Amino acid sequence: MVTSGCPPSDFEDEGNDDRIRPLVDFWNIVPVLDELDATKRKALEPLERLVTDCLFQVPPDIGRAESVTALALRIISGWSRD
């Protein structure tokens, strides 16, 4: 129920938790992955900050956070543009 003249934001939508939780879980696991070398860890740092920033926006930019996380998965798997 809307109690003001403003529509409810995505942030208030409990359904977003189903999309946010896997992102948070992924980024919580990244620091303990043994197979990441220093170069990959350094490449992932700005992506993690970007995802954090996206999720702390009101409303959260979940789509962008998901896209950046997908890029992180590519980096971890050794993907390159070549």
PDB file of N, CA and C in Angstrom:
ATOM      1  N   MET A   1       0.840  -1.176   0.000  1.00  0.00           N
ATOM      2  CA  MET A   1       0.000   0.000   0.000  1.00  0.00           C
ATOM      3  C   MET A   1       0.886   1.241   0.000  1.00  0.00           C
ATOM      4  N   VAL A   2       0.584   2.159  -0.888  1.00  0.00           N
ATOM      5  CA  VAL A   2       1.323   3.407  -0.973  1.00  0.00           C
ATOM      6  C   VAL A   2       0.715   4.379   0.031  1.00  0.00           C
ATOM      7  N   THR A   3       1.561   4.941   0.899  1.00  0.00           N
ATOM      8  CA  THR A   3       1.044   5.842   1.940  1.00  0.00           C
ATOM      9  C   THR A   3       1.341   7.296   1.637  1.00  0.00           C
ATOM     10  N   SER A   4       1.992   7.562   0.506  1.00  0.00           N
ATOM     11  CA  SER A   4       2.258   8.945   0.130  1.00  0.00           C
ATOM     12  C   SER A   4       1.970   9.094  -1.353  1.00  0.00           C
ATOM     13  N   GLY A   5       2.225  10.263  -1.879  1.00  0.00           N
ATOM     14  CA  GLY A   5       1.997  10.502  -3.288  1.00  0.00           C
ATOM     15  C   GLY A   5       3.077   9.909  -4.180  1.00  0.00           C
ATOM     16  N   CYS A   6       4.110   9.353  -3.591  1.00  0.00           N
ATOM     17  CA  CYS A   6       5.210   8.779  -4.354  1.00  0.00           C
ATOM     18  C   CYS A   6       4.990   7.283  -4.537  1.00  0.00           C
ATOM     19  N   PRO A   7       5.301   6.774  -5.728  1.00  0.00           N
ATOM     20  CA  PRO A   7       5.183   5.322  -5.919  1.00  0.00           C
ATOM     21  C   PRO A   7       6.273   4.610  -5.136  1.00  0.00           C
ATOM     22  N   PRO A   8       6.030   3.364  -4.762  1.00  0.00           N
ATOM     23  CA  PRO A   8       7.085   2.639  -4.032  1.00  0.00           C
ATOM     24  C   PRO A   8       8.295   2.451  -4.932  1.00  0.00           C
ATOM     25  N   SER A   9       9.473   2.539  -4.366  1.00  0.00           N
ATOM     26  CA  SER A   9      10.695   2.378  -5.148  1.00  0.00           C
ATOM     27  C   SER A   9      11.056   0.902  -5.229  1.00  0.00           C
ATOM     28  N   ASP A  10      11.984   0.581  -6.149  1.00  0.00           N
ATOM     29  CA  ASP A  10      12.482  -0.785  -6.250  1.00  0.00           C
ATOM     30  C   ASP A  10      13.159  -1.210  -4.962  1.00  0.00           C
ATOM     31  N   PHE A  11      13.741  -0.239  -4.249  1.00  0.00           N
ATOM     32  CA  PHE A  11      14.442  -0.533  -3.014  1.00  0.00           C
ATOM     33  C   PHE A  11      13.499  -1.150  -1.989  1.00  0.00           C
ATOM     34  N   GLU A  12      12.250  -0.712  -2.002  1.00  0.00           N
ATOM     35  CA  GLU A  12      11.285  -1.219  -1.038  1.00  0.00           C
ATOM     36  C   GLU A  12      10.684  -2.547  -1.463  1.00  0.00           C
ATOM     37  N   ASP A  13      10.947  -2.972  -2.688  1.00  0.00           N
ATOM     38  CA  ASP A  13      10.391  -4.202  -3.229  1.00  0.00           C
ATOM     39  C   ASP A  13      11.169  -5.389  -2.683  1.00  0.00           C
ATOM     40  N   GLU A  14      10.495  -6.222  -1.913  1.00  0.00           N
ATOM     41  CA  GLU A  14      11.157  -7.376  -1.310  1.00  0.00           C
ATOM     42  C   GLU A  14      11.645  -8.356  -2.369  1.00  0.00           C
ATOM     43  N   GLY A  15      11.071  -8.321  -3.563  1.00  0.00           N
ATOM     44  CA  GLY A  15      11.495  -9.207  -4.632  1.00  0.00           C
ATOM     45  C   GLY A  15      12.922  -8.969  -5.077  1.00  0.00           C
ATOM     46  N   ASN A  16      13.459  -7.793  -4.810  1.00  0.00           N
ATOM     47  CA  ASN A  16      14.837  -7.496  -5.194  1.00  0.00           C
ATOM     48  C   ASN A  16      15.840  -8.333  -4.429  1.00  0.00           C
ATOM     49  N   ASP A  17      15.468  -8.817  -3.263  1.00  0.00           N
ATOM     50  CA  ASP A  17      16.391  -9.622  -2.469  1.00  0.00           C
ATOM     51  C   ASP A  17      16.807 -10.872  -3.235  1.00  0.00           C
ATOM     52  N   ASP A  18      15.918 -11.417  -4.050  1.00  0.00           N
ATOM     53  CA  ASP A  18      16.246 -12.602  -4.843  1.00  0.00           C
ATOM     54  C   ASP A  18      17.305 -12.310  -5.887  1.00  0.00           C
ATOM     55  N   ARG A  19      17.446 -11.069  -6.291  1.00  0.00           N
ATOM     56  CA  ARG A  19      18.473 -10.686  -7.256  1.00  0.00           C
ATOM     57  C   ARG A  19      19.732 -10.169  -6.566  1.00  0.00           C
ATOM     58  N   ILE A  20      19.573  -9.537  -5.415  1.00  0.00           N
ATOM     59  CA  ILE A  20      20.715  -8.948  -4.710  1.00  0.00           C
ATOM     60  C   ILE A  20      21.512  -9.998  -3.947  1.00  0.00           C
ATOM     61  N   ARG A  21      20.848 -10.929  -3.300  1.00  0.00           N
ATOM     62  CA  ARG A  21      21.521 -11.932  -2.463  1.00  0.00           C
ATOM     63  C   ARG A  21      22.605 -12.695  -3.225  1.00  0.00           C
ATOM     64  N   PRO A  22      22.358 -13.196  -4.457  1.00  0.00           N
ATOM     65  CA  PRO A  22      23.443 -13.903  -5.166  1.00  0.00           C
ATOM     66  C   PRO A  22      24.646 -13.012  -5.469  1.00  0.00           C
ATOM     67  N   LEU A  23      24.399 -11.738  -5.716  1.00  0.00           N
ATOM     68  CA  LEU A  23      25.504 -10.809  -5.965  1.00  0.00           C
ATOM     69  C   LEU A  23      26.358 -10.648  -4.719  1.00  0.00           C
ATOM     70  N   VAL A  24      25.708 -10.439  -3.596  1.00  0.00           N
ATOM     71  CA  VAL A  24      26.427 -10.277  -2.327  1.00  0.00           C
ATOM     72  C   VAL A  24      27.193 -11.554  -1.988  1.00  0.00           C
ATOM     73  N   ASP A  25      26.545 -12.702  -2.171  1.00  0.00           N
ATOM     74  CA  ASP A  25      27.214 -13.973  -1.884  1.00  0.00           C
ATOM     75  C   ASP A  25      28.450 -14.162  -2.761  1.00  0.00           C
ATOM     76  N   PHE A  26      28.315 -13.843  -4.055  1.00  0.00           N
ATOM     77  CA  PHE A  26      29.451 -13.971  -4.965  1.00  0.00           C
ATOM     78  C   PHE A  26      30.624 -13.114  -4.500  1.00  0.00           C
ATOM     79  N   TRP A  27      30.353 -11.839  -4.220  1.00  0.00           N
ATOM     80  CA  TRP A  27      31.447 -10.933  -3.862  1.00  0.00           C
ATOM     81  C   TRP A  27      32.022 -11.236  -2.484  1.00  0.00           C
ATOM     82  N   ASN A  28      31.270 -11.921  -1.638  1.00  0.00           N
ATOM     83  CA  ASN A  28      31.813 -12.352  -0.353  1.00  0.00           C
ATOM     84  C   ASN A  28      32.757 -13.544  -0.513  1.00  0.00           C
ATOM     85  N   ILE A  29      32.566 -14.331  -1.570  1.00  0.00           N
ATOM     86  CA  ILE A  29      33.401 -15.509  -1.810  1.00  0.00           C
ATOM     87  C   ILE A  29      34.696 -15.146  -2.539  1.00  0.00           C
ATOM     88  N   VAL A  30      34.656 -14.134  -3.382  1.00  0.00           N
ATOM     89  CA  VAL A  30      35.813 -13.779  -4.215  1.00  0.00           C
ATOM     90  C   VAL A  30      37.112 -13.644  -3.410  1.00  0.00           C
ATOM     91  N   PRO A  31      37.129 -12.976  -2.265  1.00  0.00           N
ATOM     92  CA  PRO A  31      38.412 -12.797  -1.562  1.00  0.00           C
ATOM     93  C   PRO A  31      39.065 -14.105  -1.105  1.00  0.00           C
ATOM     94  N   VAL A  32      38.313 -15.180  -0.996  1.00  0.00           N
ATOM     95  CA  VAL A  32      38.895 -16.430  -0.494  1.00  0.00           C
ATOM     96  C   VAL A  32      39.174 -17.449  -1.598  1.00  0.00           C
ATOM     97  N   LEU A  33      38.984 -17.059  -2.849  1.00  0.00           N
ATOM     98  CA  LEU A  33      39.269 -17.967  -3.961  1.00  0.00           C
ATOM     99  C   LEU A  33      40.777 -18.131  -4.112  1.00  0.00           C
ATOM    100  N   ASP A  34      41.242 -19.354  -3.955  1.00  0.00           N
ATOM    101  CA  ASP A  34      42.681 -19.629  -4.026  1.00  0.00           C
ATOM    102  C   ASP A  34      43.244 -19.481  -5.430  1.00  0.00           C
ATOM    103  N   GLU A  35      42.399 -19.707  -6.460  1.00  0.00           N
ATOM    104  CA  GLU A  35      42.916 -19.710  -7.828  1.00  0.00           C
ATOM    105  C   GLU A  35      43.132 -18.317  -8.412  1.00  0.00           C
ATOM    106  N   LEU A  36      42.807 -17.271  -7.664  1.00  0.00           N
ATOM    107  CA  LEU A  36      42.992 -15.911  -8.182  1.00  0.00           C
ATOM    108  C   LEU A  36      44.410 -15.430  -7.928  1.00  0.00           C
ATOM    109  N   ASP A  37      45.074 -15.047  -9.013  1.00  0.00           N
ATOM    110  CA  ASP A  37      46.403 -14.473  -8.856  1.00  0.00           C
ATOM    111  C   ASP A  37      46.275 -12.973  -8.571  1.00  0.00           C
ATOM    112  N   ALA A  38      47.384 -12.345  -8.303  1.00  0.00           N
ATOM    113  CA  ALA A  38      47.384 -10.927  -7.933  1.00  0.00           C
ATOM    114  C   ALA A  38      46.815 -10.041  -9.032  1.00  0.00           C
ATOM    115  N   THR A  39      47.082 -10.387 -10.280  1.00  0.00           N
ATOM    116  CA  THR A  39      46.587  -9.580 -11.406  1.00  0.00           C
ATOM    117  C   THR A  39      45.063  -9.606 -11.458  1.00  0.00           C
ATOM    118  N   LYS A  40      44.485 -10.793 -11.317  1.00  0.00           N
ATOM    119  CA  LYS A  40      43.025 -10.908 -11.342  1.00  0.00           C
ATOM    120  C   LYS A  40      42.407 -10.204 -10.135  1.00  0.00           C
ATOM    121  N   ARG A  41      43.021 -10.370  -8.976  1.00  0.00           N
ATOM    122  CA  ARG A  41      42.493  -9.694  -7.781  1.00  0.00           C
ATOM    123  C   ARG A  41      42.478  -8.180  -7.983  1.00  0.00           C
ATOM    124  N   LYS A  42      43.566  -7.664  -8.571  1.00  0.00           N
ATOM    125  CA  LYS A  42      43.644  -6.216  -8.812  1.00  0.00           C
ATOM    126  C   LYS A  42      42.584  -5.775  -9.818  1.00  0.00           C
ATOM    127  N   ALA A  43      42.309  -6.600 -10.826  1.00  0.00           N
ATOM    128  CA  ALA A  43      41.290  -6.277 -11.829  1.00  0.00           C
ATOM    129  C   ALA A  43      39.883  -6.306 -11.227  1.00  0.00           C
ATOM    130  N   LEU A  44      39.678  -7.132 -10.226  1.00  0.00           N
ATOM    131  CA  LEU A  44      38.349  -7.275  -9.620  1.00  0.00           C
ATOM    132  C   LEU A  44      38.025  -6.181  -8.604  1.00  0.00           C
ATOM    133  N   GLU A  45      39.028  -5.573  -8.025  1.00  0.00           N
ATOM    134  CA  GLU A  45      38.795  -4.562  -6.975  1.00  0.00           C
ATOM    135  C   GLU A  45      37.877  -3.428  -7.428  1.00  0.00           C
ATOM    136  N   PRO A  46      38.143  -2.784  -8.565  1.00  0.00           N
ATOM    137  CA  PRO A  46      37.239  -1.689  -8.963  1.00  0.00           C
ATOM    138  C   PRO A  46      35.836  -2.197  -9.318  1.00  0.00           C
ATOM    139  N   LEU A  47      35.748  -3.420  -9.812  1.00  0.00           N
ATOM    140  CA  LEU A  47      34.431  -3.977 -10.123  1.00  0.00           C
ATOM    141  C   LEU A  47      33.620  -4.204  -8.852  1.00  0.00           C
ATOM    142  N   GLU A  48      34.285  -4.683  -7.819  1.00  0.00           N
ATOM    143  CA  GLU A  48      33.594  -4.883  -6.538  1.00  0.00           C
ATOM    144  C   GLU A  48      33.094  -3.548  -5.980  1.00  0.00           C
ATOM    145  N   ARG A  49      33.922  -2.524  -6.071  1.00  0.00           N
ATOM    146  CA  ARG A  49      33.494  -1.194  -5.598  1.00  0.00           C
ATOM    147  C   ARG A  49      32.299  -0.690  -6.400  1.00  0.00           C
ATOM    148  N   LEU A  50      32.327  -0.912  -7.717  1.00  0.00           N
ATOM    149  CA  LEU A  50      31.235  -0.477  -8.565  1.00  0.00           C
ATOM    150  C   LEU A  50      29.932  -1.199  -8.216  1.00  0.00           C
ATOM    151  N   VAL A  51      30.009  -2.497  -7.989  1.00  0.00           N
ATOM    152  CA  VAL A  51      28.820  -3.259  -7.593  1.00  0.00           C
ATOM    153  C   VAL A  51      28.287  -2.742  -6.254  1.00  0.00           C
ATOM    154  N   THR A  52      29.177  -2.500  -5.323  1.00  0.00           N
ATOM    155  CA  THR A  52      28.756  -1.961  -4.025  1.00  0.00           C
ATOM    156  C   THR A  52      28.047  -0.633  -4.197  1.00  0.00           C
ATOM    157  N   ASP A  53      28.620   0.246  -5.009  1.00  0.00           N
ATOM    158  CA  ASP A  53      27.991   1.545  -5.266  1.00  0.00           C
ATOM    159  C   ASP A  53      26.616   1.371  -5.900  1.00  0.00           C
ATOM    160  N   CYS A  54      26.504   0.466  -6.852  1.00  0.00           N
ATOM    161  CA  CYS A  54      25.216   0.222  -7.518  1.00  0.00           C
ATOM    162  C   CYS A  54      24.157  -0.243  -6.528  1.00  0.00           C
ATOM    163  N   LEU A  55      24.549  -1.119  -5.619  1.00  0.00           N
ATOM    164  CA  LEU A  55      23.576  -1.679  -4.679  1.00  0.00           C
ATOM    165  C   LEU A  55      23.203  -0.706  -3.563  1.00  0.00           C
ATOM    166  N   PHE A  56      24.052   0.289  -3.312  1.00  0.00           N
ATOM    167  CA  PHE A  56      23.735   1.268  -2.276  1.00  0.00           C
ATOM    168  C   PHE A  56      22.951   2.467  -2.813  1.00  0.00           C
ATOM    169  N   GLN A  57      22.752   2.524  -4.122  1.00  0.00           N
ATOM    170  CA  GLN A  57      21.907   3.579  -4.676  1.00  0.00           C
ATOM    171  C   GLN A  57      20.461   3.348  -4.248  1.00  0.00           C
ATOM    172  N   VAL A  58      19.699   4.413  -4.205  1.00  0.00           N
ATOM    173  CA  VAL A  58      18.271   4.297  -3.896  1.00  0.00           C
ATOM    174  C   VAL A  58      17.508   4.844  -5.079  1.00  0.00           C
ATOM    175  N   PRO A  59      16.824   3.989  -5.843  1.00  0.00           N
ATOM    176  CA  PRO A  59      16.790   2.535  -5.723  1.00  0.00           C
ATOM    177  C   PRO A  59      18.081   1.921  -6.249  1.00  0.00           C
ATOM    178  N   PRO A  60      18.374   0.699  -5.825  1.00  0.00           N
ATOM    179  CA  PRO A  60      19.613   0.064  -6.273  1.00  0.00           C
ATOM    180  C   PRO A  60      19.588  -0.207  -7.777  1.00  0.00           C
ATOM    181  N   ASP A  61      20.733  -0.069  -8.398  1.00  0.00           N
ATOM    182  CA  ASP A  61      20.869  -0.358  -9.826  1.00  0.00           C
ATOM    183  C   ASP A  61      21.289  -1.826  -9.954  1.00  0.00           C
ATOM    184  N   ILE A  62      20.325  -2.700  -9.799  1.00  0.00           N
ATOM    185  CA  ILE A  62      20.603  -4.133  -9.760  1.00  0.00           C
ATOM    186  C   ILE A  62      21.075  -4.639 -11.121  1.00  0.00           C
ATOM    187  N   GLY A  63      20.480  -4.144 -12.179  1.00  0.00           N
ATOM    188  CA  GLY A  63      20.880  -4.582 -13.515  1.00  0.00           C
ATOM    189  C   GLY A  63      22.348  -4.315 -13.795  1.00  0.00           C
ATOM    190  N   ARG A  64      22.799  -3.138 -13.443  1.00  0.00           N
ATOM    191  CA  ARG A  64      24.216  -2.813 -13.655  1.00  0.00           C
ATOM    192  C   ARG A  64      25.104  -3.662 -12.750  1.00  0.00           C
ATOM    193  N   ALA A  65      24.683  -3.876 -11.519  1.00  0.00           N
ATOM    194  CA  ALA A  65      25.453  -4.720 -10.594  1.00  0.00           C
ATOM    195  C   ALA A  65      25.567  -6.140 -11.143  1.00  0.00           C
ATOM    196  N   GLU A  66      24.500  -6.640 -11.745  1.00  0.00           N
ATOM    197  CA  GLU A  66      24.529  -7.980 -12.339  1.00  0.00           C
ATOM    198  C   GLU A  66      25.479  -8.015 -13.537  1.00  0.00           C
ATOM    199  N   SER A  67      25.451  -6.981 -14.361  1.00  0.00           N
ATOM    200  CA  SER A  67      26.337  -6.925 -15.528  1.00  0.00           C
ATOM    201  C   SER A  67      27.804  -6.873 -15.128  1.00  0.00           C
ATOM    202  N   VAL A  68      28.105  -6.069 -14.131  1.00  0.00           N
ATOM    203  CA  VAL A  68      29.489  -5.952 -13.664  1.00  0.00           C
ATOM    204  C   VAL A  68      29.941  -7.277 -13.042  1.00  0.00           C
ATOM    205  N   THR A  69      29.057  -7.938 -12.332  1.00  0.00           N
ATOM    206  CA  THR A  69      29.392  -9.231 -11.736  1.00  0.00           C
ATOM    207  C   THR A  69      29.628 -10.271 -12.830  1.00  0.00           C
ATOM    208  N   ALA A  70      28.863 -10.212 -13.899  1.00  0.00           N
ATOM    209  CA  ALA A  70      29.089 -11.126 -15.031  1.00  0.00           C
ATOM    210  C   ALA A  70      30.478 -10.890 -15.628  1.00  0.00           C
ATOM    211  N   LEU A  71      30.885  -9.639 -15.732  1.00  0.00           N
ATOM    212  CA  LEU A  71      32.229  -9.328 -16.214  1.00  0.00           C
ATOM    213  C   LEU A  71      33.278  -9.911 -15.267  1.00  0.00           C
ATOM    214  N   ALA A  72      33.041  -9.810 -13.976  1.00  0.00           N
ATOM    215  CA  ALA A  72      33.964 -10.381 -12.990  1.00  0.00           C
ATOM    216  C   ALA A  72      34.101 -11.894 -13.176  1.00  0.00           C
ATOM    217  N   LEU A  73      32.990 -12.553 -13.446  1.00  0.00           N
ATOM    218  CA  LEU A  73      33.041 -13.999 -13.690  1.00  0.00           C
ATOM    219  C   LEU A  73      33.889 -14.323 -14.917  1.00  0.00           C
ATOM    220  N   ARG A  74      33.787 -13.485 -15.930  1.00  0.00           N
ATOM    221  CA  ARG A  74      34.614 -13.688 -17.128  1.00  0.00           C
ATOM    222  C   ARG A  74      36.095 -13.518 -16.802  1.00  0.00           C
ATOM    223  N   ILE A  75      36.409 -12.531 -16.009  1.00  0.00           N
ATOM    224  CA  ILE A  75      37.805 -12.301 -15.632  1.00  0.00           C
ATOM    225  C   ILE A  75      38.334 -13.486 -14.842  1.00  0.00           C
ATOM    226  N   ILE A  76      37.547 -13.974 -13.897  1.00  0.00           N
ATOM    227  CA  ILE A  76      37.963 -15.110 -13.079  1.00  0.00           C
ATOM    228  C   ILE A  76      38.191 -16.352 -13.948  1.00  0.00           C
ATOM    229  N   SER A  77      37.340 -16.533 -14.942  1.00  0.00           N
ATOM    230  CA  SER A  77      37.447 -17.725 -15.792  1.00  0.00           C
ATOM    231  C   SER A  77      38.562 -17.626 -16.831  1.00  0.00           C
ATOM    232  N   GLY A  78      39.208 -16.451 -16.926  1.00  0.00           N
ATOM    233  CA  GLY A  78      40.308 -16.283 -17.845  1.00  0.00           C
ATOM    234  C   GLY A  78      39.906 -15.757 -19.209  1.00  0.00           C
ATOM    235  N   TRP A  79      38.676 -15.320 -19.350  1.00  0.00           N
ATOM    236  CA  TRP A  79      38.186 -14.778 -20.617  1.00  0.00           C
ATOM    237  C   TRP A  79      38.981 -13.545 -21.012  1.00  0.00           C
ATOM    238  N   SER A  80      39.207 -13.424 -22.295  1.00  0.00           N
ATOM    239  CA  SER A  80      39.825 -12.201 -22.813  1.00  0.00           C
ATOM    240  C   SER A  80      39.115 -11.816 -24.100  1.00  0.00           C
ATOM    241  N   ARG A  81      39.315 -10.610 -24.538  1.00  0.00           N
ATOM    242  CA  ARG A  81      38.659 -10.113 -25.754  1.00  0.00           C
ATOM    243  C   ARG A  81      39.336 -10.623 -27.011  1.00  0.00           C
ATOM    244  N   ASP A  82      40.473 -11.258 -26.889  1.00  0.00           N
ATOM    245  CA  ASP A  82      41.212 -11.750 -28.066  1.00  0.00           C
ATOM    246  C   ASP A  82      40.542 -12.973 -28.647  1.00  0.00           C
TER     247      ASP A  82
END
